[in-house]
Amino acid sequence: QLQLVESGGGLVQPGGSLRLSCAASGFTLEYYAIGWFRQAPGKEREGVSCISVSDGSTYYADSMKGRFTISRDNAKNTAYLQMNSLKPEDTAVYYCAAAFLGSIQPMCVRRSVGLWGQGTQVTVSS
């Protein structure tokens, strides 16, 4: 069974940091573009950041640039999202996703995704 499992969410104060992990099982991430998305209550799911299959190219939504960093460790079959300088408006359920041989801009902008994780809650509040 192909699965993506997110972890690392939680409650953090404004200005704090969290590192989300996305572990793949049942397949190897090596041939997949990886993306992080988020969905706040009453809002559409939006692309946060995506990373390419092989050359490390990345895409960030404008509001995340300079604060969030996406990475991948193919040896561990895991991707990460480091989130710094968190704001209350970053509160959402965060999902990772995979697209086989995908391109990062269609993936992040048009949610062109083959597999979704179940999501992890991130709450930024004092």
PDB file of N, CA and C in Angstrom:
ATOM      1  N   GLN A   1       0.855  -1.191   0.000  1.00  0.00           N
ATOM      2  CA  GLN A   1       0.000   0.000   0.000  1.00  0.00           C
ATOM      3  C   GLN A   1       0.889   1.240   0.000  1.00  0.00           C
ATOM      4  N   LEU A   2       0.604   2.160  -0.928  1.00  0.00           N
ATOM      5  CA  LEU A   2       1.382   3.387  -1.008  1.00  0.00           C
ATOM      6  C   LEU A   2       0.860   4.374   0.023  1.00  0.00           C
ATOM      7  N   GLN A   3       1.767   4.900   0.835  1.00  0.00           N
ATOM      8  CA  GLN A   3       1.334   5.819   1.886  1.00  0.00           C
ATOM      9  C   GLN A   3       2.337   6.925   2.107  1.00  0.00           C
ATOM     10  N   LEU A   4       1.821   8.098   2.451  1.00  0.00           N
ATOM     11  CA  LEU A   4       2.624   9.205   2.960  1.00  0.00           C
ATOM     12  C   LEU A   4       2.111   9.523   4.349  1.00  0.00           C
ATOM     13  N   VAL A   5       3.013   9.616   5.312  1.00  0.00           N
ATOM     14  CA  VAL A   5       2.615   9.877   6.685  1.00  0.00           C
ATOM     15  C   VAL A   5       3.355  11.108   7.190  1.00  0.00           C
ATOM     16  N   GLU A   6       2.588  12.147   7.535  1.00  0.00           N
ATOM     17  CA  GLU A   6       3.165  13.379   8.067  1.00  0.00           C
ATOM     18  C   GLU A   6       3.293  13.292   9.587  1.00  0.00           C
ATOM     19  N   SER A   7       4.261  13.991  10.109  1.00  0.00           N
ATOM     20  CA  SER A   7       4.425  14.123  11.551  1.00  0.00           C
ATOM     21  C   SER A   7       5.120  15.450  11.841  1.00  0.00           C
ATOM     22  N   GLY A   8       5.091  15.845  13.106  1.00  0.00           N
ATOM     23  CA  GLY A   8       5.812  17.043  13.521  1.00  0.00           C
ATOM     24  C   GLY A   8       4.944  18.255  13.761  1.00  0.00           C
ATOM     25  N   GLY A   9       3.662  18.136  13.507  1.00  0.00           N
ATOM     26  CA  GLY A   9       2.779  19.260  13.778  1.00  0.00           C
ATOM     27  C   GLY A   9       2.567  19.466  15.259  1.00  0.00           C
ATOM     28  N   GLY A  10       1.903  20.565  15.597  1.00  0.00           N
ATOM     29  CA  GLY A  10       1.619  20.839  17.004  1.00  0.00           C
ATOM     30  C   GLY A  10       1.296  22.288  17.219  1.00  0.00           C
ATOM     31  N   LEU A  11       1.336  22.672  18.493  1.00  0.00           N
ATOM     32  CA  LEU A  11       1.051  24.046  18.898  1.00  0.00           C
ATOM     33  C   LEU A  11       2.370  24.784  19.112  1.00  0.00           C
ATOM     34  N   VAL A  12       2.483  25.955  18.536  1.00  0.00           N
ATOM     35  CA  VAL A  12       3.705  26.746  18.668  1.00  0.00           C
ATOM     36  C   VAL A  12       3.323  28.210  18.802  1.00  0.00           C
ATOM     37  N   GLN A  13       4.135  28.956  19.511  1.00  0.00           N
ATOM     38  CA  GLN A  13       3.868  30.388  19.674  1.00  0.00           C
ATOM     39  C   GLN A  13       4.293  31.157  18.425  1.00  0.00           C
ATOM     40  N   PRO A  14       3.690  32.303  18.192  1.00  0.00           N
ATOM     41  CA  PRO A  14       4.129  33.141  17.067  1.00  0.00           C
ATOM     42  C   PRO A  14       5.632  33.417  17.150  1.00  0.00           C
ATOM     43  N   GLY A  15       6.279  33.335  16.012  1.00  0.00           N
ATOM     44  CA  GLY A  15       7.725  33.496  15.958  1.00  0.00           C
ATOM     45  C   GLY A  15       8.499  32.205  16.134  1.00  0.00           C
ATOM     46  N   GLY A  16       7.812  31.150  16.514  1.00  0.00           N
ATOM     47  CA  GLY A  16       8.466  29.869  16.748  1.00  0.00           C
ATOM     48  C   GLY A  16       8.691  29.075  15.469  1.00  0.00           C
ATOM     49  N   SER A  17       9.211  27.862  15.661  1.00  0.00           N
ATOM     50  CA  SER A  17       9.567  26.996  14.528  1.00  0.00           C
ATOM     51  C   SER A  17       9.000  25.600  14.729  1.00  0.00           C
ATOM     52  N   LEU A  18       8.766  24.942  13.613  1.00  0.00           N
ATOM     53  CA  LEU A  18       8.389  23.532  13.598  1.00  0.00           C
ATOM     54  C   LEU A  18       9.034  22.887  12.389  1.00  0.00           C
ATOM     55  N   ARG A  19       9.310  21.597  12.495  1.00  0.00           N
ATOM     56  CA  ARG A  19       9.813  20.843  11.357  1.00  0.00           C
ATOM     57  C   ARG A  19       8.851  19.691  11.095  1.00  0.00           C
ATOM     58  N   LEU A  20       8.237  19.710   9.949  1.00  0.00           N
ATOM     59  CA  LEU A  20       7.340  18.633   9.552  1.00  0.00           C
ATOM     60  C   LEU A  20       8.119  17.581   8.769  1.00  0.00           C
ATOM     61  N   SER A  21       7.730  16.331   8.967  1.00  0.00           N
ATOM     62  CA  SER A  21       8.321  15.232   8.222  1.00  0.00           C
ATOM     63  C   SER A  21       7.237  14.518   7.427  1.00  0.00           C
ATOM     64  N   CYS A  22       7.634  13.940   6.311  1.00  0.00           N
ATOM     65  CA  CYS A  22       6.720  13.181   5.448  1.00  0.00           C
ATOM     66  C   CYS A  22       7.435  11.897   5.059  1.00  0.00           C
ATOM     67  N   ALA A  23       7.002  10.798   5.641  1.00  0.00           N
ATOM     68  CA  ALA A  23       7.644   9.509   5.395  1.00  0.00           C
ATOM     69  C   ALA A  23       6.817   8.711   4.399  1.00  0.00           C
ATOM     70  N   ALA A  24       7.493   8.181   3.394  1.00  0.00           N
ATOM     71  CA  ALA A  24       6.822   7.365   2.390  1.00  0.00           C
ATOM     72  C   ALA A  24       6.973   5.888   2.730  1.00  0.00           C
ATOM     73  N   SER A  25       5.929   5.125   2.482  1.00  0.00           N
ATOM     74  CA  SER A  25       6.014   3.677   2.627  1.00  0.00           C
ATOM     75  C   SER A  25       5.326   3.022   1.438  1.00  0.00           C
ATOM     76  N   GLY A  26       5.854   1.866   1.066  1.00  0.00           N
ATOM     77  CA  GLY A  26       5.274   1.147  -0.066  1.00  0.00           C
ATOM     78  C   GLY A  26       5.816   1.566  -1.410  1.00  0.00           C
ATOM     79  N   PHE A  27       6.635   2.595  -1.438  1.00  0.00           N
ATOM     80  CA  PHE A  27       7.247   3.049  -2.685  1.00  0.00           C
ATOM     81  C   PHE A  27       8.453   3.911  -2.322  1.00  0.00           C
ATOM     82  N   THR A  28       9.283   4.180  -3.321  1.00  0.00           N
ATOM     83  CA  THR A  28      10.442   5.030  -3.102  1.00  0.00           C
ATOM     84  C   THR A  28      10.166   6.441  -3.610  1.00  0.00           C
ATOM     85  N   LEU A  29      10.519   7.416  -2.755  1.00  0.00           N
ATOM     86  CA  LEU A  29      10.293   8.811  -3.098  1.00  0.00           C
ATOM     87  C   LEU A  29      11.215   9.322  -4.194  1.00  0.00           C
ATOM     88  N   GLU A  30      12.235   8.563  -4.513  1.00  0.00           N
ATOM     89  CA  GLU A  30      13.303   9.036  -5.400  1.00  0.00           C
ATOM     90  C   GLU A  30      12.768   9.560  -6.733  1.00  0.00           C
ATOM     91  N   TYR A  31      11.686   8.973  -7.240  1.00  0.00           N
ATOM     92  CA  TYR A  31      11.173   9.336  -8.554  1.00  0.00           C
ATOM     93  C   TYR A  31       9.957  10.255  -8.494  1.00  0.00           C
ATOM     94  N   TYR A  32       9.749  10.838  -7.317  1.00  0.00           N
ATOM     95  CA  TYR A  32       8.561  11.662  -7.116  1.00  0.00           C
ATOM     96  C   TYR A  32       8.946  13.084  -6.736  1.00  0.00           C
ATOM     97  N   ALA A  33       8.273  14.048  -7.348  1.00  0.00           N
ATOM     98  CA  ALA A  33       8.305  15.396  -6.810  1.00  0.00           C
ATOM     99  C   ALA A  33       7.474  15.398  -5.528  1.00  0.00           C
ATOM    100  N   ILE A  34       7.897  16.186  -4.561  1.00  0.00           N
ATOM    101  CA  ILE A  34       7.237  16.229  -3.257  1.00  0.00           C
ATOM    102  C   ILE A  34       6.714  17.635  -3.014  1.00  0.00           C
ATOM    103  N   GLY A  35       5.534  17.711  -2.473  1.00  0.00           N
ATOM    104  CA  GLY A  35       4.967  19.014  -2.158  1.00  0.00           C
ATOM    105  C   GLY A  35       4.363  19.046  -0.777  1.00  0.00           C
ATOM    106  N   TRP A  36       4.341  20.238  -0.215  1.00  0.00           N
ATOM    107  CA  TRP A  36       3.616  20.495   1.033  1.00  0.00           C
ATOM    108  C   TRP A  36       2.488  21.471   0.719  1.00  0.00           C
ATOM    109  N   PHE A  37       1.322  21.160   1.247  1.00  0.00           N
ATOM    110  CA  PHE A  37       0.136  21.966   1.057  1.00  0.00           C
ATOM    111  C   PHE A  37      -0.479  22.233   2.424  1.00  0.00           C
ATOM    112  N   ARG A  38      -1.358  23.208   2.486  1.00  0.00           N
ATOM    113  CA  ARG A  38      -2.041  23.452   3.747  1.00  0.00           C
ATOM    114  C   ARG A  38      -3.472  23.884   3.472  1.00  0.00           C
ATOM    115  N   GLN A  39      -4.311  23.618   4.460  1.00  0.00           N
ATOM    116  CA  GLN A  39      -5.715  23.997   4.356  1.00  0.00           C
ATOM    117  C   GLN A  39      -6.192  24.502   5.707  1.00  0.00           C
ATOM    118  N   ALA A  40      -6.581  25.755   5.721  1.00  0.00           N
ATOM    119  CA  ALA A  40      -7.150  26.355   6.923  1.00  0.00           C
ATOM    120  C   ALA A  40      -8.669  26.208   6.869  1.00  0.00           C
ATOM    121  N   PRO A  41      -9.324  26.274   8.017  1.00  0.00           N
ATOM    122  CA  PRO A  41     -10.789  26.138   8.034  1.00  0.00           C
ATOM    123  C   PRO A  41     -11.459  27.153   7.119  1.00  0.00           C
ATOM    124  N   GLY A  42     -12.357  26.663   6.281  1.00  0.00           N
ATOM    125  CA  GLY A  42     -13.097  27.541   5.396  1.00  0.00           C
ATOM    126  C   GLY A  42     -12.341  28.021   4.183  1.00  0.00           C
ATOM    127  N   LYS A  43     -11.119  27.520   3.989  1.00  0.00           N
ATOM    128  CA  LYS A  43     -10.311  27.959   2.856  1.00  0.00           C
ATOM    129  C   LYS A  43      -9.938  26.775   1.976  1.00  0.00           C
ATOM    130  N   GLU A  44      -9.554  27.090   0.744  1.00  0.00           N
ATOM    131  CA  GLU A  44      -9.100  26.043  -0.160  1.00  0.00           C
ATOM    132  C   GLU A  44      -7.695  25.571   0.219  1.00  0.00           C
ATOM    133  N   ARG A  45      -7.411  24.345  -0.161  1.00  0.00           N
ATOM    134  CA  ARG A  45      -6.059  23.833   0.039  1.00  0.00           C
ATOM    135  C   ARG A  45      -5.116  24.584  -0.899  1.00  0.00           C
ATOM    136  N   GLU A  46      -3.981  25.018  -0.344  1.00  0.00           N
ATOM    137  CA  GLU A  46      -3.033  25.796  -1.141  1.00  0.00           C
ATOM    138  C   GLU A  46      -1.647  25.175  -1.092  1.00  0.00           C
ATOM    139  N   GLY A  47      -0.915  25.375  -2.177  1.00  0.00           N
ATOM    140  CA  GLY A  47       0.452  24.897  -2.228  1.00  0.00           C
ATOM    141  C   GLY A  47       1.375  25.757  -1.384  1.00  0.00           C
ATOM    142  N   VAL A  48       2.183  25.132  -0.575  1.00  0.00           N
ATOM    143  CA  VAL A  48       3.147  25.824   0.284  1.00  0.00           C
ATOM    144  C   VAL A  48       4.522  25.810  -0.363  1.00  0.00           C
ATOM    145  N   SER A  49       4.984  24.607  -0.696  1.00  0.00           N
ATOM    146  CA  SER A  49       6.318  24.453  -1.270  1.00  0.00           C
ATOM    147  C   SER A  49       6.411  23.099  -1.946  1.00  0.00           C
ATOM    148  N   CYS A  50       7.190  23.042  -3.018  1.00  0.00           N
ATOM    149  CA  CYS A  50       7.414  21.791  -3.732  1.00  0.00           C
ATOM    150  C   CYS A  50       8.894  21.663  -4.094  1.00  0.00           C
ATOM    151  N   ILE A  51       9.352  20.418  -4.170  1.00  0.00           N
ATOM    152  CA  ILE A  51      10.745  20.152  -4.513  1.00  0.00           C
ATOM    153  C   ILE A  51      10.794  19.122  -5.634  1.00  0.00           C
ATOM    154  N   SER A  52      11.713  19.318  -6.554  1.00  0.00           N
ATOM    155  CA  SER A  52      11.749  18.502  -7.760  1.00  0.00           C
ATOM    156  C   SER A  52      12.266  17.091  -7.484  1.00  0.00           C
ATOM    157  N   VAL A  53      12.143  16.261  -8.532  1.00  0.00           N
ATOM    158  CA  VAL A  53      12.544  14.862  -8.426  1.00  0.00           C
ATOM    159  C   VAL A  53      14.047  14.741  -8.220  1.00  0.00           C
ATOM    160  N   SER A  54      14.833  15.460  -9.020  1.00  0.00           N
ATOM    161  CA  SER A  54      16.256  15.129  -9.049  1.00  0.00           C
ATOM    162  C   SER A  54      17.210  16.294  -8.835  1.00  0.00           C
ATOM    163  N   ASP A  55      16.887  17.505  -9.330  1.00  0.00           N
ATOM    164  CA  ASP A  55      17.914  18.554  -9.300  1.00  0.00           C
ATOM    165  C   ASP A  55      17.779  19.508  -8.116  1.00  0.00           C
ATOM    166  N   GLY A  56      16.843  19.223  -7.231  1.00  0.00           N
ATOM    167  CA  GLY A  56      16.717  20.038  -6.024  1.00  0.00           C
ATOM    168  C   GLY A  56      16.024  21.359  -6.220  1.00  0.00           C
ATOM    169  N   SER A  57      15.464  21.585  -7.414  1.00  0.00           N
ATOM    170  CA  SER A  57      14.725  22.829  -7.636  1.00  0.00           C
ATOM    171  C   SER A  57      13.549  22.908  -6.681  1.00  0.00           C
ATOM    172  N   THR A  58      13.254  24.119  -6.236  1.00  0.00           N
ATOM    173  CA  THR A  58      12.173  24.303  -5.287  1.00  0.00           C
ATOM    174  C   THR A  58      11.237  25.419  -5.737  1.00  0.00           C
ATOM    175  N   TYR A  59      10.035  25.338  -5.216  1.00  0.00           N
ATOM    176  CA  TYR A  59       9.019  26.372  -5.435  1.00  0.00           C
ATOM    177  C   TYR A  59       8.447  26.718  -4.069  1.00  0.00           C
ATOM    178  N   TYR A  60       8.256  28.016  -3.823  1.00  0.00           N
ATOM    179  CA  TYR A  60       7.627  28.463  -2.589  1.00  0.00           C
ATOM    180  C   TYR A  60       6.516  29.446  -2.925  1.00  0.00           C
ATOM    181  N   ALA A  61       5.409  29.319  -2.237  1.00  0.00           N
ATOM    182  CA  ALA A  61       4.396  30.359  -2.315  1.00  0.00           C
ATOM    183  C   ALA A  61       4.976  31.641  -1.722  1.00  0.00           C
ATOM    184  N   ASP A  62       4.515  32.774  -2.223  1.00  0.00           N
ATOM    185  CA  ASP A  62       5.121  34.055  -1.850  1.00  0.00           C
ATOM    186  C   ASP A  62       5.174  34.271  -0.341  1.00  0.00           C
ATOM    187  N   SER A  63       4.113  33.932   0.365  1.00  0.00           N
ATOM    188  CA  SER A  63       4.060  34.229   1.800  1.00  0.00           C
ATOM    189  C   SER A  63       4.973  33.325   2.621  1.00  0.00           C
ATOM    190  N   MET A  64       5.539  32.289   2.011  1.00  0.00           N
ATOM    191  CA  MET A  64       6.423  31.376   2.723  1.00  0.00           C
ATOM    192  C   MET A  64       7.895  31.619   2.409  1.00  0.00           C
ATOM    193  N   LYS A  65       8.171  32.390   1.381  1.00  0.00           N
ATOM    194  CA  LYS A  65       9.559  32.606   0.983  1.00  0.00           C
ATOM    195  C   LYS A  65      10.342  33.239   2.126  1.00  0.00           C
ATOM    196  N   GLY A  66      11.513  32.688   2.387  1.00  0.00           N
ATOM    197  CA  GLY A  66      12.374  33.201   3.439  1.00  0.00           C
ATOM    198  C   GLY A  66      12.059  32.674   4.826  1.00  0.00           C
ATOM    199  N   ARG A  67      10.910  32.020   4.977  1.00  0.00           N
ATOM    200  CA  ARG A  67      10.537  31.465   6.293  1.00  0.00           C
ATOM    201  C   ARG A  67      10.522  29.941   6.290  1.00  0.00           C
ATOM    202  N   PHE A  68      10.112  29.357   5.181  1.00  0.00           N
ATOM    203  CA  PHE A  68       9.981  27.902   5.098  1.00  0.00           C
ATOM    204  C   PHE A  68      11.074  27.342   4.187  1.00  0.00           C
ATOM    205  N   THR A  69      11.521  26.128   4.504  1.00  0.00           N
ATOM    206  CA  THR A  69      12.511  25.438   3.670  1.00  0.00           C
ATOM    207  C   THR A  69      12.084  23.996   3.474  1.00  0.00           C
ATOM    208  N   ILE A  70      11.967  23.601   2.222  1.00  0.00           N
ATOM    209  CA  ILE A  70      11.630  22.213   1.906  1.00  0.00           C
ATOM    210  C   ILE A  70      12.914  21.453   1.596  1.00  0.00           C
ATOM    211  N   SER A  71      12.938  20.187   1.974  1.00  0.00           N
ATOM    212  CA  SER A  71      14.100  19.352   1.676  1.00  0.00           C
ATOM    213  C   SER A  71      13.640  17.911   1.556  1.00  0.00           C
ATOM    214  N   ARG A  72      14.543  17.080   1.068  1.00  0.00           N
ATOM    215  CA  ARG A  72      14.235  15.664   0.938  1.00  0.00           C
ATOM    216  C   ARG A  72      15.491  14.850   1.222  1.00  0.00           C
ATOM    217  N   ASP A  73      15.285  13.661   1.763  1.00  0.00           N
ATOM    218  CA  ASP A  73      16.369  12.718   2.007  1.00  0.00           C
ATOM    219  C   ASP A  73      15.930  11.396   1.399  1.00  0.00           C
ATOM    220  N   ASN A  74      16.354  11.160   0.176  1.00  0.00           N
ATOM    221  CA  ASN A  74      15.898   9.952  -0.517  1.00  0.00           C
ATOM    222  C   ASN A  74      16.376   8.680   0.185  1.00  0.00           C
ATOM    223  N   ALA A  75      17.511   8.737   0.834  1.00  0.00           N
ATOM    224  CA  ALA A  75      18.018   7.561   1.548  1.00  0.00           C
ATOM    225  C   ALA A  75      17.082   7.174   2.688  1.00  0.00           C
ATOM    226  N   LYS A  76      16.434   8.173   3.279  1.00  0.00           N
ATOM    227  CA  LYS A  76      15.495   7.910   4.378  1.00  0.00           C
ATOM    228  C   LYS A  76      14.056   7.847   3.876  1.00  0.00           C
ATOM    229  N   ASN A  77      13.881   8.051   2.563  1.00  0.00           N
ATOM    230  CA  ASN A  77      12.532   8.021   1.983  1.00  0.00           C
ATOM    231  C   ASN A  77      11.603   9.015   2.673  1.00  0.00           C
ATOM    232  N   THR A  78      12.137  10.181   2.977  1.00  0.00           N
ATOM    233  CA  THR A  78      11.438  11.181   3.781  1.00  0.00           C
ATOM    234  C   THR A  78      11.687  12.577   3.223  1.00  0.00           C
ATOM    235  N   ALA A  79      10.662  13.407   3.320  1.00  0.00           N
ATOM    236  CA  ALA A  79      10.785  14.814   2.975  1.00  0.00           C
ATOM    237  C   ALA A  79      10.463  15.648   4.217  1.00  0.00           C
ATOM    238  N   TYR A  80      10.898  16.894   4.188  1.00  0.00           N
ATOM    239  CA  TYR A  80      10.760  17.751   5.363  1.00  0.00           C
ATOM    240  C   TYR A  80      10.284  19.144   4.957  1.00  0.00           C
ATOM    241  N   LEU A  81       9.679  19.812   5.926  1.00  0.00           N
ATOM    242  CA  LEU A  81       9.361  21.226   5.769  1.00  0.00           C
ATOM    243  C   LEU A  81       9.761  21.918   7.066  1.00  0.00           C
ATOM    244  N   GLN A  82      10.809  22.717   7.008  1.00  0.00           N
ATOM    245  CA  GLN A  82      11.230  23.511   8.149  1.00  0.00           C
ATOM    246  C   GLN A  82      10.495  24.836   8.095  1.00  0.00           C
ATOM    247  N   MET A  83       9.783  25.139   9.157  1.00  0.00           N
ATOM    248  CA  MET A  83       8.979  26.351   9.205  1.00  0.00           C
ATOM    249  C   MET A  83       9.486  27.236  10.339  1.00  0.00           C
ATOM    250  N   ASN A  84       9.946  28.417   9.985  1.00  0.00           N
ATOM    251  CA  ASN A  84      10.453  29.386  10.959  1.00  0.00           C
ATOM    252  C   ASN A  84       9.589  30.636  10.950  1.00  0.00           C
ATOM    253  N   SER A  85       9.743  31.444  11.983  1.00  0.00           N
ATOM    254  CA  SER A  85       9.012  32.715  12.079  1.00  0.00           C
ATOM    255  C   SER A  85       7.522  32.516  11.828  1.00  0.00           C
ATOM    256  N   LEU A  86       6.967  31.531  12.498  1.00  0.00           N
ATOM    257  CA  LEU A  86       5.573  31.183  12.260  1.00  0.00           C
ATOM    258  C   LEU A  86       4.637  32.287  12.731  1.00  0.00           C
ATOM    259  N   LYS A  87       3.548  32.420  11.992  1.00  0.00           N
ATOM    260  CA  LYS A  87       2.535  33.451  12.268  1.00  0.00           C
ATOM    261  C   LYS A  87       1.193  32.767  12.511  1.00  0.00           C
ATOM    262  N   PRO A  88       0.296  33.444  13.215  1.00  0.00           N
ATOM    263  CA  PRO A  88      -1.032  32.844  13.423  1.00  0.00           C
ATOM    264  C   PRO A  88      -1.716  32.446  12.111  1.00  0.00           C
ATOM    265  N   GLU A  89      -1.481  33.192  11.057  1.00  0.00           N
ATOM    266  CA  GLU A  89      -2.113  32.861   9.776  1.00  0.00           C
ATOM    267  C   GLU A  89      -1.526  31.617   9.110  1.00  0.00           C
ATOM    268  N   ASP A  90      -0.474  31.060   9.697  1.00  0.00           N
ATOM    269  CA  ASP A  90       0.064  29.788   9.206  1.00  0.00           C
ATOM    270  C   ASP A  90      -0.705  28.590   9.785  1.00  0.00           C
ATOM    271  N   THR A  91      -1.620  28.856  10.700  1.00  0.00           N
ATOM    272  CA  THR A  91      -2.417  27.791  11.297  1.00  0.00           C
ATOM    273  C   THR A  91      -3.244  27.084  10.229  1.00  0.00           C
ATOM    274  N   ALA A  92      -3.083  25.768  10.152  1.00  0.00           N
ATOM    275  CA  ALA A  92      -3.767  24.977   9.124  1.00  0.00           C
ATOM    276  C   ALA A  92      -3.417  23.509   9.328  1.00  0.00           C
ATOM    277  N   VAL A  93      -4.113  22.657   8.591  1.00  0.00           N
ATOM    278  CA  VAL A  93      -3.671  21.272   8.447  1.00  0.00           C
ATOM    279  C   VAL A  93      -2.698  21.237   7.268  1.00  0.00           C
ATOM    280  N   TYR A  94      -1.530  20.669   7.525  1.00  0.00           N
ATOM    281  CA  TYR A  94      -0.495  20.587   6.513  1.00  0.00           C
ATOM    282  C   TYR A  94      -0.433  19.171   5.947  1.00  0.00           C
ATOM    283  N   TYR A  95      -0.434  19.097   4.629  1.00  0.00           N
ATOM    284  CA  TYR A  95      -0.417  17.823   3.931  1.00  0.00           C
ATOM    285  C   TYR A  95       0.837  17.712   3.080  1.00  0.00           C
ATOM    286  N   CYS A  96       1.423  16.526   3.037  1.00  0.00           N
ATOM    287  CA  CYS A  96       2.442  16.307   2.020  1.00  0.00           C
ATOM    288  C   CYS A  96       1.811  15.516   0.884  1.00  0.00           C
ATOM    289  N   ALA A  97       2.454  15.597  -0.267  1.00  0.00           N
ATOM    290  CA  ALA A  97       1.930  14.958  -1.456  1.00  0.00           C
ATOM    291  C   ALA A  97       3.081  14.578  -2.373  1.00  0.00           C
ATOM    292  N   ALA A  98       2.810  13.621  -3.253  1.00  0.00           N
ATOM    293  CA  ALA A  98       3.824  13.137  -4.176  1.00  0.00           C
ATOM    294  C   ALA A  98       3.249  13.063  -5.579  1.00  0.00           C
ATOM    295  N   ALA A  99       4.095  13.372  -6.560  1.00  0.00           N
ATOM    296  CA  ALA A  99       3.704  13.287  -7.962  1.00  0.00           C
ATOM    297  C   ALA A  99       4.829  12.586  -8.720  1.00  0.00           C
ATOM    298  N   PHE A 100       4.538  11.453  -9.314  1.00  0.00           N
ATOM    299  CA  PHE A 100       5.548  10.670 -10.014  1.00  0.00           C
ATOM    300  C   PHE A 100       6.122  11.462 -11.173  1.00  0.00           C
ATOM    301  N   LEU A 101       7.429  11.689 -11.135  1.00  0.00           N
ATOM    302  CA  LEU A 101       8.140  12.462 -12.155  1.00  0.00           C
ATOM    303  C   LEU A 101       7.470  13.812 -12.400  1.00  0.00           C
ATOM    304  N   GLY A 102       6.919  14.360 -11.333  1.00  0.00           N
ATOM    305  CA  GLY A 102       6.150  15.589 -11.460  1.00  0.00           C
ATOM    306  C   GLY A 102       7.003  16.831 -11.626  1.00  0.00           C
ATOM    307  N   SER A 103       6.372  17.893 -12.088  1.00  0.00           N
ATOM    308  CA  SER A 103       6.997  19.207 -12.184  1.00  0.00           C
ATOM    309  C   SER A 103       6.490  20.062 -11.041  1.00  0.00           C
ATOM    310  N   ILE A 104       7.377  20.873 -10.471  1.00  0.00           N
ATOM    311  CA  ILE A 104       7.033  21.498  -9.196  1.00  0.00           C
ATOM    312  C   ILE A 104       5.999  22.610  -9.333  1.00  0.00           C
ATOM    313  N   GLN A 105       6.045  23.372 -10.442  1.00  0.00           N
ATOM    314  CA  GLN A 105       5.089  24.472 -10.530  1.00  0.00           C
ATOM    315  C   GLN A 105       3.665  23.967 -10.728  1.00  0.00           C
ATOM    316  N   PRO A 106       3.416  23.046 -11.674  1.00  0.00           N
ATOM    317  CA  PRO A 106       2.051  22.500 -11.765  1.00  0.00           C
ATOM    318  C   PRO A 106       1.619  21.834 -10.478  1.00  0.00           C
ATOM    319  N   MET A 107       2.581  21.184  -9.831  1.00  0.00           N
ATOM    320  CA  MET A 107       2.232  20.490  -8.594  1.00  0.00           C
ATOM    321  C   MET A 107       1.765  21.476  -7.536  1.00  0.00           C
ATOM    322  N   CYS A 108       2.529  22.521  -7.312  1.00  0.00           N
ATOM    323  CA  CYS A 108       2.206  23.449  -6.242  1.00  0.00           C
ATOM    324  C   CYS A 108       1.068  24.396  -6.607  1.00  0.00           C
ATOM    325  N   VAL A 109       1.020  24.836  -7.843  1.00  0.00           N
ATOM    326  CA  VAL A 109       0.032  25.839  -8.241  1.00  0.00           C
ATOM    327  C   VAL A 109      -1.304  25.197  -8.591  1.00  0.00           C
ATOM    328  N   ARG A 110      -1.263  24.061  -9.299  1.00  0.00           N
ATOM    329  CA  ARG A 110      -2.516  23.432  -9.740  1.00  0.00           C
ATOM    330  C   ARG A 110      -2.841  22.164  -8.949  1.00  0.00           C
ATOM    331  N   ARG A 111      -2.077  21.898  -7.905  1.00  0.00           N
ATOM    332  CA  ARG A 111      -2.311  20.712  -7.063  1.00  0.00           C
ATOM    333  C   ARG A 111      -2.342  19.451  -7.912  1.00  0.00           C
ATOM    334  N   SER A 112      -1.397  19.373  -8.861  1.00  0.00           N
ATOM    335  CA  SER A 112      -1.280  18.208  -9.727  1.00  0.00           C
ATOM    336  C   SER A 112      -0.506  17.140  -8.957  1.00  0.00           C
ATOM    337  N   VAL A 113      -1.266  16.311  -8.243  1.00  0.00           N
ATOM    338  CA  VAL A 113      -0.701  15.412  -7.240  1.00  0.00           C
ATOM    339  C   VAL A 113      -1.247  14.015  -7.447  1.00  0.00           C
ATOM    340  N   GLY A 114      -0.385  13.014  -7.188  1.00  0.00           N
ATOM    341  CA  GLY A 114      -0.859  11.646  -7.333  1.00  0.00           C
ATOM    342  C   GLY A 114      -1.257  11.003  -6.017  1.00  0.00           C
ATOM    343  N   LEU A 115      -0.602  11.415  -4.935  1.00  0.00           N
ATOM    344  CA  LEU A 115      -0.819  10.768  -3.642  1.00  0.00           C
ATOM    345  C   LEU A 115      -0.760  11.816  -2.548  1.00  0.00           C
ATOM    346  N   TRP A 116      -1.724  11.769  -1.632  1.00  0.00           N
ATOM    347  CA  TRP A 116      -1.781  12.690  -0.494  1.00  0.00           C
ATOM    348  C   TRP A 116      -1.519  11.948   0.804  1.00  0.00           C
ATOM    349  N   GLY A 117      -0.909  12.657   1.755  1.00  0.00           N
ATOM    350  CA  GLY A 117      -0.867  12.162   3.112  1.00  0.00           C
ATOM    351  C   GLY A 117      -2.148  12.530   3.839  1.00  0.00           C
ATOM    352  N   GLN A 118      -2.222  12.144   5.119  1.00  0.00           N
ATOM    353  CA  GLN A 118      -3.463  12.357   5.872  1.00  0.00           C
ATOM    354  C   GLN A 118      -3.501  13.707   6.566  1.00  0.00           C
ATOM    355  N   GLY A 119      -2.355  14.390   6.629  1.00  0.00           N
ATOM    356  CA  GLY A 119      -2.308  15.730   7.203  1.00  0.00           C
ATOM    357  C   GLY A 119      -1.870  15.755   8.660  1.00  0.00           C
ATOM    358  N   THR A 120      -1.295  16.883   9.049  1.00  0.00           N
ATOM    359  CA  THR A 120      -0.907  17.118  10.440  1.00  0.00           C
ATOM    360  C   THR A 120      -1.260  18.563  10.786  1.00  0.00           C
ATOM    361  N   GLN A 121      -1.830  18.741  11.967  1.00  0.00           N
ATOM    362  CA  GLN A 121      -2.309  20.061  12.378  1.00  0.00           C
ATOM    363  C   GLN A 121      -1.150  20.915  12.884  1.00  0.00           C
ATOM    364  N   VAL A 122      -1.097  22.138  12.399  1.00  0.00           N
ATOM    365  CA  VAL A 122      -0.168  23.142  12.908  1.00  0.00           C
ATOM    366  C   VAL A 122      -0.995  24.308  13.426  1.00  0.00           C
ATOM    367  N   THR A 123      -0.801  24.650  14.689  1.00  0.00           N
ATOM    368  CA  THR A 123      -1.519  25.762  15.301  1.00  0.00           C
ATOM    369  C   THR A 123      -0.510  26.752  15.852  1.00  0.00           C
ATOM    370  N   VAL A 124      -0.616  27.991  15.394  1.00  0.00           N
ATOM    371  CA  VAL A 124       0.285  29.049  15.849  1.00  0.00           C
ATOM    372  C   VAL A 124      -0.534  30.023  16.685  1.00  0.00           C
ATOM    373  N   SER A 125      -0.276  30.014  17.965  1.00  0.00           N
ATOM    374  CA  SER A 125      -1.082  30.821  18.877  1.00  0.00           C
ATOM    375  C   SER A 125      -0.315  31.074  20.156  1.00  0.00           C
ATOM    376  N   SER A 126      -0.573  32.242  20.755  1.00  0.00           N
ATOM    377  CA  SER A 126       0.026  32.528  22.048  1.00  0.00           C
ATOM    378  C   SER A 126      -0.914  32.122  23.172  1.00  0.00           C
TER     379      SER A 126
END
